[in-house]
């Protein structure tokens, strides 16, 4: 998602997506919260996967 956002911002920088008056960017009111949520979900999924992998790599308890 961040790569797509970077392409989108570059297109704005090069003035491909606007006529020249791009000072007020209302699109960012939607994009920034969306990127924040996507990033937080990605971090949560990565942490969960790391914790799961760590749990799976532990040897089982041999208590009898």
PDB file of N, CA and C in Angstrom:
ATOM      1  N   UNK A   1       0.824  -1.194   0.000  1.00  0.00           N
ATOM      2  CA  UNK A   1       0.000   0.000   0.000  1.00  0.00           C
ATOM      3  C   UNK A   1       0.871   1.262   0.000  1.00  0.00           C
ATOM      4  N   UNK A   2       1.974   1.201   0.758  1.00  0.00           N
ATOM      5  CA  UNK A   2       2.838   2.373   0.805  1.00  0.00           C
ATOM      6  C   UNK A   2       3.495   2.638  -0.553  1.00  0.00           C
ATOM      7  N   UNK A   3       3.799   1.578  -1.286  1.00  0.00           N
ATOM      8  CA  UNK A   3       4.376   1.767  -2.620  1.00  0.00           C
ATOM      9  C   UNK A   3       3.369   2.450  -3.544  1.00  0.00           C
ATOM     10  N   UNK A   4       2.120   2.004  -3.492  1.00  0.00           N
ATOM     11  CA  UNK A   4       1.093   2.639  -4.321  1.00  0.00           C
ATOM     12  C   UNK A   4       0.897   4.099  -3.930  1.00  0.00           C
ATOM     13  N   UNK A   5       0.953   4.375  -2.629  1.00  0.00           N
ATOM     14  CA  UNK A   5       0.840   5.758  -2.166  1.00  0.00           C
ATOM     15  C   UNK A   5       2.023   6.595  -2.677  1.00  0.00           C
ATOM     16  N   UNK A   6       3.217   6.010  -2.673  1.00  0.00           N
ATOM     17  CA  UNK A   6       4.393   6.731  -3.167  1.00  0.00           C
ATOM     18  C   UNK A   6       4.243   7.070  -4.653  1.00  0.00           C
ATOM     19  N   UNK A   7       3.712   6.139  -5.431  1.00  0.00           N
ATOM     20  CA  UNK A   7       3.467   6.404  -6.857  1.00  0.00           C
ATOM     21  C   UNK A   7       2.441   7.520  -7.018  1.00  0.00           C
ATOM     22  N   UNK A   8       1.397   7.464  -6.218  1.00  0.00           N
ATOM     23  CA  UNK A   8       0.346   8.487  -6.252  1.00  0.00           C
ATOM     24  C   UNK A   8       0.912   9.869  -5.896  1.00  0.00           C
ATOM     25  N   UNK A   9       1.729   9.926  -4.860  1.00  0.00           N
ATOM     26  CA  UNK A   9       2.339  11.206  -4.466  1.00  0.00           C
ATOM     27  C   UNK A   9       3.302  11.716  -5.537  1.00  0.00           C
ATOM     28  N   UNK A  10       4.036  10.810  -6.145  1.00  0.00           N
ATOM     29  CA  UNK A  10       4.945  11.226  -7.210  1.00  0.00           C
ATOM     30  C   UNK A  10       4.160  11.818  -8.378  1.00  0.00           C
ATOM     31  N   UNK A  11       3.021  11.219  -8.687  1.00  0.00           N
ATOM     32  CA  UNK A  11       2.180  11.748  -9.767  1.00  0.00           C
ATOM     33  C   UNK A  11       1.673  13.143  -9.412  1.00  0.00           C
ATOM     34  N   UNK A  12       1.372  13.380  -8.146  1.00  0.00           N
ATOM     35  CA  UNK A  12       0.980  14.731  -7.731  1.00  0.00           C
ATOM     36  C   UNK A  12       2.163  15.690  -7.813  1.00  0.00           C
ATOM     37  N   UNK A  13       3.323  15.214  -7.394  1.00  0.00           N
ATOM     38  CA  UNK A  13       4.531  16.042  -7.446  1.00  0.00           C
ATOM     39  C   UNK A  13       4.844  16.474  -8.881  1.00  0.00           C
ATOM     40  N   UNK A  14       4.677  15.535  -9.810  1.00  0.00           N
ATOM     41  CA  UNK A  14       4.945  15.838 -11.222  1.00  0.00           C
ATOM     42  C   UNK A  14       3.787  16.581 -11.881  1.00  0.00           C
ATOM     43  N   UNK A  15       2.708  16.829 -11.135  1.00  0.00           N
ATOM     44  CA  UNK A  15       1.513  17.542 -11.596  1.00  0.00           C
ATOM     45  C   UNK A  15       0.794  16.798 -12.714  1.00  0.00           C
ATOM     46  N   UNK A  16       0.832  15.460 -12.654  1.00  0.00           N
ATOM     47  CA  UNK A  16       0.100  14.648 -13.616  1.00  0.00           C
ATOM     48  C   UNK A  16      -1.360  14.514 -13.206  1.00  0.00           C
ATOM     49  N   UNK A  17      -1.651  14.638 -11.926  1.00  0.00           N
ATOM     50  CA  UNK A  17      -3.009  14.420 -11.420  1.00  0.00           C
ATOM     51  C   UNK A  17      -3.739  15.701 -11.066  1.00  0.00           C
ATOM     52  N   UNK A  18      -3.073  16.832 -11.204  1.00  0.00           N
ATOM     53  CA  UNK A  18      -3.751  18.088 -10.897  1.00  0.00           C
ATOM     54  C   UNK A  18      -3.289  19.153 -11.881  1.00  0.00           C
ATOM     55  N   UNK A  19      -4.072  20.208 -11.947  1.00  0.00           N
ATOM     56  CA  UNK A  19      -3.798  21.253 -12.933  1.00  0.00           C
ATOM     57  C   UNK A  19      -2.740  22.253 -12.483  1.00  0.00           C
ATOM     58  N   UNK A  20      -2.323  22.182 -11.254  1.00  0.00           N
ATOM     59  CA  UNK A  20      -1.342  23.124 -10.754  1.00  0.00           C
ATOM     60  C   UNK A  20      -1.722  23.704  -9.408  1.00  0.00           C
ATOM     61  N   UNK A  21      -2.985  23.676  -9.072  1.00  0.00           N
ATOM     62  CA  UNK A  21      -3.462  24.155  -7.776  1.00  0.00           C
ATOM     63  C   UNK A  21      -3.772  22.960  -6.881  1.00  0.00           C
ATOM     64  N   UNK A  22      -2.736  22.367  -6.353  1.00  0.00           N
ATOM     65  CA  UNK A  22      -2.892  21.166  -5.514  1.00  0.00           C
ATOM     66  C   UNK A  22      -2.577  21.483  -4.052  1.00  0.00           C
ATOM     67  N   UNK A  23      -2.778  22.714  -3.653  1.00  0.00           N
ATOM     68  CA  UNK A  23      -2.401  23.101  -2.306  1.00  0.00           C
ATOM     69  C   UNK A  23      -3.289  22.463  -1.241  1.00  0.00           C
ATOM     70  N   UNK A  24      -4.573  22.390  -1.483  1.00  0.00           N
ATOM     71  CA  UNK A  24      -5.494  21.796  -0.513  1.00  0.00           C
ATOM     72  C   UNK A  24      -5.755  20.368  -0.956  1.00  0.00           C
ATOM     73  N   UNK A  25      -5.191  19.424  -0.200  1.00  0.00           N
ATOM     74  CA  UNK A  25      -5.274  18.015  -0.569  1.00  0.00           C
ATOM     75  C   UNK A  25      -6.275  17.301   0.319  1.00  0.00           C
ATOM     76  N   UNK A  26      -7.536  17.348  -0.059  1.00  0.00           N
ATOM     77  CA  UNK A  26      -8.570  16.681   0.720  1.00  0.00           C
ATOM     78  C   UNK A  26      -8.466  15.160   0.626  1.00  0.00           C
ATOM     79  N   UNK A  27      -7.816  14.672  -0.412  1.00  0.00           N
ATOM     80  CA  UNK A  27      -7.645  13.230  -0.548  1.00  0.00           C
ATOM     81  C   UNK A  27      -6.817  12.651   0.593  1.00  0.00           C
ATOM     82  N   UNK A  28      -5.939  13.457   1.159  1.00  0.00           N
ATOM     83  CA  UNK A  28      -5.101  12.975   2.256  1.00  0.00           C
ATOM     84  C   UNK A  28      -5.897  12.747   3.535  1.00  0.00           C
ATOM     85  N   UNK A  29      -7.055  13.382   3.660  1.00  0.00           N
ATOM     86  CA  UNK A  29      -7.907  13.137   4.826  1.00  0.00           C
ATOM     87  C   UNK A  29      -8.407  11.700   4.849  1.00  0.00           C
ATOM     88  N   UNK A  30      -8.493  11.079   3.704  1.00  0.00           N
ATOM     89  CA  UNK A  30      -8.880   9.676   3.630  1.00  0.00           C
ATOM     90  C   UNK A  30      -7.673   8.748   3.548  1.00  0.00           C
ATOM     91  N   UNK A  31      -6.653   9.171   2.826  1.00  0.00           N
ATOM     92  CA  UNK A  31      -5.502   8.300   2.610  1.00  0.00           C
ATOM     93  C   UNK A  31      -4.679   8.070   3.867  1.00  0.00           C
ATOM     94  N   UNK A  32      -4.404   9.110   4.633  1.00  0.00           N
ATOM     95  CA  UNK A  32      -3.566   8.948   5.822  1.00  0.00           C
ATOM     96  C   UNK A  32      -4.182   8.019   6.861  1.00  0.00           C
ATOM     97  N   UNK A  33      -5.459   8.176   7.214  1.00  0.00           N
ATOM     98  CA  UNK A  33      -6.033   7.206   8.163  1.00  0.00           C
ATOM     99  C   UNK A  33      -6.046   5.777   7.603  1.00  0.00           C
ATOM    100  N   UNK A  34      -6.317   5.634   6.310  1.00  0.00           N
ATOM    101  CA  UNK A  34      -6.305   4.311   5.695  1.00  0.00           C
ATOM    102  C   UNK A  34      -4.912   3.690   5.780  1.00  0.00           C
ATOM    103  N   UNK A  35      -3.876   4.463   5.454  1.00  0.00           N
ATOM    104  CA  UNK A  35      -2.509   3.945   5.536  1.00  0.00           C
ATOM    105  C   UNK A  35      -2.128   3.619   6.971  1.00  0.00           C
ATOM    106  N   UNK A  36      -2.606   4.404   7.912  1.00  0.00           N
ATOM    107  CA  UNK A  36      -2.328   4.124   9.319  1.00  0.00           C
ATOM    108  C   UNK A  36      -2.949   2.794   9.739  1.00  0.00           C
ATOM    109  N   UNK A  37      -4.198   2.567   9.378  1.00  0.00           N
ATOM    110  CA  UNK A  37      -4.876   1.315   9.731  1.00  0.00           C
ATOM    111  C   UNK A  37      -4.190   0.127   9.056  1.00  0.00           C
ATOM    112  N   UNK A  38      -3.866   0.259   7.782  1.00  0.00           N
ATOM    113  CA  UNK A  38      -3.199  -0.828   7.063  1.00  0.00           C
ATOM    114  C   UNK A  38      -1.839  -1.125   7.695  1.00  0.00           C
ATOM    115  N   UNK A  39      -1.117  -0.101   8.078  1.00  0.00           N
ATOM    116  CA  UNK A  39       0.193  -0.294   8.693  1.00  0.00           C
ATOM    117  C   UNK A  39       0.070  -0.973  10.057  1.00  0.00           C
ATOM    118  N   UNK A  40      -0.896  -0.551  10.868  1.00  0.00           N
ATOM    119  CA  UNK A  40      -1.088  -1.166  12.182  1.00  0.00           C
ATOM    120  C   UNK A  40      -1.515  -2.628  12.056  1.00  0.00           C
ATOM    121  N   UNK A  41      -2.374  -2.918  11.103  1.00  0.00           N
ATOM    122  CA  UNK A  41      -2.775  -4.316  10.879  1.00  0.00           C
ATOM    123  C   UNK A  41      -1.572  -5.133  10.429  1.00  0.00           C
ATOM    124  N   UNK A  42      -0.757  -4.579   9.572  1.00  0.00           N
ATOM    125  CA  UNK A  42       0.448  -5.280   9.118  1.00  0.00           C
ATOM    126  C   UNK A  42       1.413  -5.571  10.252  1.00  0.00           C
ATOM    127  N   UNK A  43       1.599  -4.610  11.143  1.00  0.00           N
ATOM    128  CA  UNK A  43       2.474  -4.819  12.298  1.00  0.00           C
ATOM    129  C   UNK A  43       1.887  -5.889  13.219  1.00  0.00           C
ATOM    130  N   UNK A  44       0.594  -5.848  13.456  1.00  0.00           N
ATOM    131  CA  UNK A  44      -0.051  -6.833  14.323  1.00  0.00           C
ATOM    132  C   UNK A  44       0.066  -8.239  13.727  1.00  0.00           C
ATOM    133  N   UNK A  45      -0.141  -8.380  12.433  1.00  0.00           N
ATOM    134  CA  UNK A  45      -0.029  -9.688  11.782  1.00  0.00           C
ATOM    135  C   UNK A  45       1.408 -10.196  11.849  1.00  0.00           C
ATOM    136  N   UNK A  46       2.371  -9.313  11.633  1.00  0.00           N
ATOM    137  CA  UNK A  46       3.780  -9.715  11.691  1.00  0.00           C
ATOM    138  C   UNK A  46       4.165 -10.149  13.102  1.00  0.00           C
ATOM    139  N   UNK A  47       3.732  -9.405  14.113  1.00  0.00           N
ATOM    140  CA  UNK A  47       4.043  -9.785  15.491  1.00  0.00           C
ATOM    141  C   UNK A  47       3.395 -11.117  15.862  1.00  0.00           C
ATOM    142  N   UNK A  48       2.161 -11.300  15.432  1.00  0.00           N
ATOM    143  CA  UNK A  48       1.479 -12.563  15.717  1.00  0.00           C
ATOM    144  C   UNK A  48       2.208 -13.731  15.058  1.00  0.00           C
ATOM    145  N   UNK A  49       2.653 -13.539  13.822  1.00  0.00           N
ATOM    146  CA  UNK A  49       3.381 -14.601  13.124  1.00  0.00           C
ATOM    147  C   UNK A  49       4.707 -14.897  13.816  1.00  0.00           C
ATOM    148  N   UNK A  50       5.402 -13.868  14.273  1.00  0.00           N
ATOM    149  CA  UNK A  50       6.667 -14.086  14.989  1.00  0.00           C
ATOM    150  C   UNK A  50       6.444 -14.835  16.294  1.00  0.00           C
ATOM    151  N   UNK A  51       5.415 -14.437  17.037  1.00  0.00           N
ATOM    152  CA  UNK A  51       5.132 -15.118  18.299  1.00  0.00           C
ATOM    153  C   UNK A  51       4.711 -16.563  18.066  1.00  0.00           C
ATOM    154  N   UNK A  52       3.946 -16.822  17.031  1.00  0.00           N
ATOM    155  CA  UNK A  52       3.521 -18.173  16.698  1.00  0.00           C
ATOM    156  C   UNK A  52       4.726 -19.023  16.302  1.00  0.00           C
ATOM    157  N   UNK A  53       5.614 -18.465  15.483  1.00  0.00           N
ATOM    158  CA  UNK A  53       6.813 -19.194  15.060  1.00  0.00           C
ATOM    159  C   UNK A  53       7.707 -19.493  16.251  1.00  0.00           C
ATOM    160  N   UNK A  54       7.815 -18.547  17.170  1.00  0.00           N
ATOM    161  CA  UNK A  54       8.630 -18.772  18.369  1.00  0.00           C
ATOM    162  C   UNK A  54       8.010 -19.866  19.229  1.00  0.00           C
ATOM    163  N   UNK A  55       6.705 -19.848  19.347  1.00  0.00           N
ATOM    164  CA  UNK A  55       6.006 -20.871  20.133  1.00  0.00           C
ATOM    165  C   UNK A  55       6.184 -22.252  19.505  1.00  0.00           C
ATOM    166  N   UNK A  56       6.153 -22.337  18.194  1.00  0.00           N
ATOM    167  CA  UNK A  56       6.291 -23.611  17.507  1.00  0.00           C
ATOM    168  C   UNK A  56       7.717 -24.157  17.576  1.00  0.00           C
ATOM    169  N   UNK A  57       8.709 -23.297  17.705  1.00  0.00           N
ATOM    170  CA  UNK A  57      10.096 -23.746  17.705  1.00  0.00           C
ATOM    171  C   UNK A  57      10.574 -24.194  19.084  1.00  0.00           C
ATOM    172  N   UNK A  58       9.789 -23.946  20.131  1.00  0.00           N
ATOM    173  CA  UNK A  58      10.178 -24.382  21.480  1.00  0.00           C
ATOM    174  C   UNK A  58      10.013 -25.892  21.606  1.00  0.00           C
ATOM    175  N   UNK A  59      10.948 -26.528  22.302  1.00  0.00           N
ATOM    176  CA  UNK A  59      10.771 -27.966  22.550  1.00  0.00           C
ATOM    177  C   UNK A  59       9.642 -28.183  23.552  1.00  0.00           C
ATOM    178  N   UNK A  60       8.914 -29.276  23.443  1.00  0.00           N
ATOM    179  CA  UNK A  60       7.815 -29.526  24.372  1.00  0.00           C
ATOM    180  C   UNK A  60       8.336 -29.799  25.788  1.00  0.00           C
ATOM    181  N   UNK A  61       7.511 -29.473  26.769  1.00  0.00           N
ATOM    182  CA  UNK A  61       7.868 -29.767  28.156  1.00  0.00           C
ATOM    183  C   UNK A  61       7.874 -31.271  28.371  1.00  0.00           C
ATOM    184  N   UNK A  62       8.834 -31.756  29.138  1.00  0.00           N
ATOM    185  CA  UNK A  62       8.944 -33.194  29.414  1.00  0.00           C
ATOM    186  C   UNK A  62       8.611 -33.480  30.879  1.00  0.00           C
ATOM    187  N   UNK A  63       7.583 -32.834  31.378  1.00  0.00           N
ATOM    188  CA  UNK A  63       7.189 -33.072  32.766  1.00  0.00           C
ATOM    189  C   UNK A  63       6.293 -34.313  32.839  1.00  0.00           C
ATOM    190  N   UNK A  64       6.648 -35.230  33.679  1.00  0.00           N
ATOM    191  CA  UNK A  64       5.822 -36.429  33.904  1.00  0.00           C
ATOM    192  C   UNK A  64       5.721 -36.718  35.364  1.00  0.00           C
TER     193      UNK A  64
END
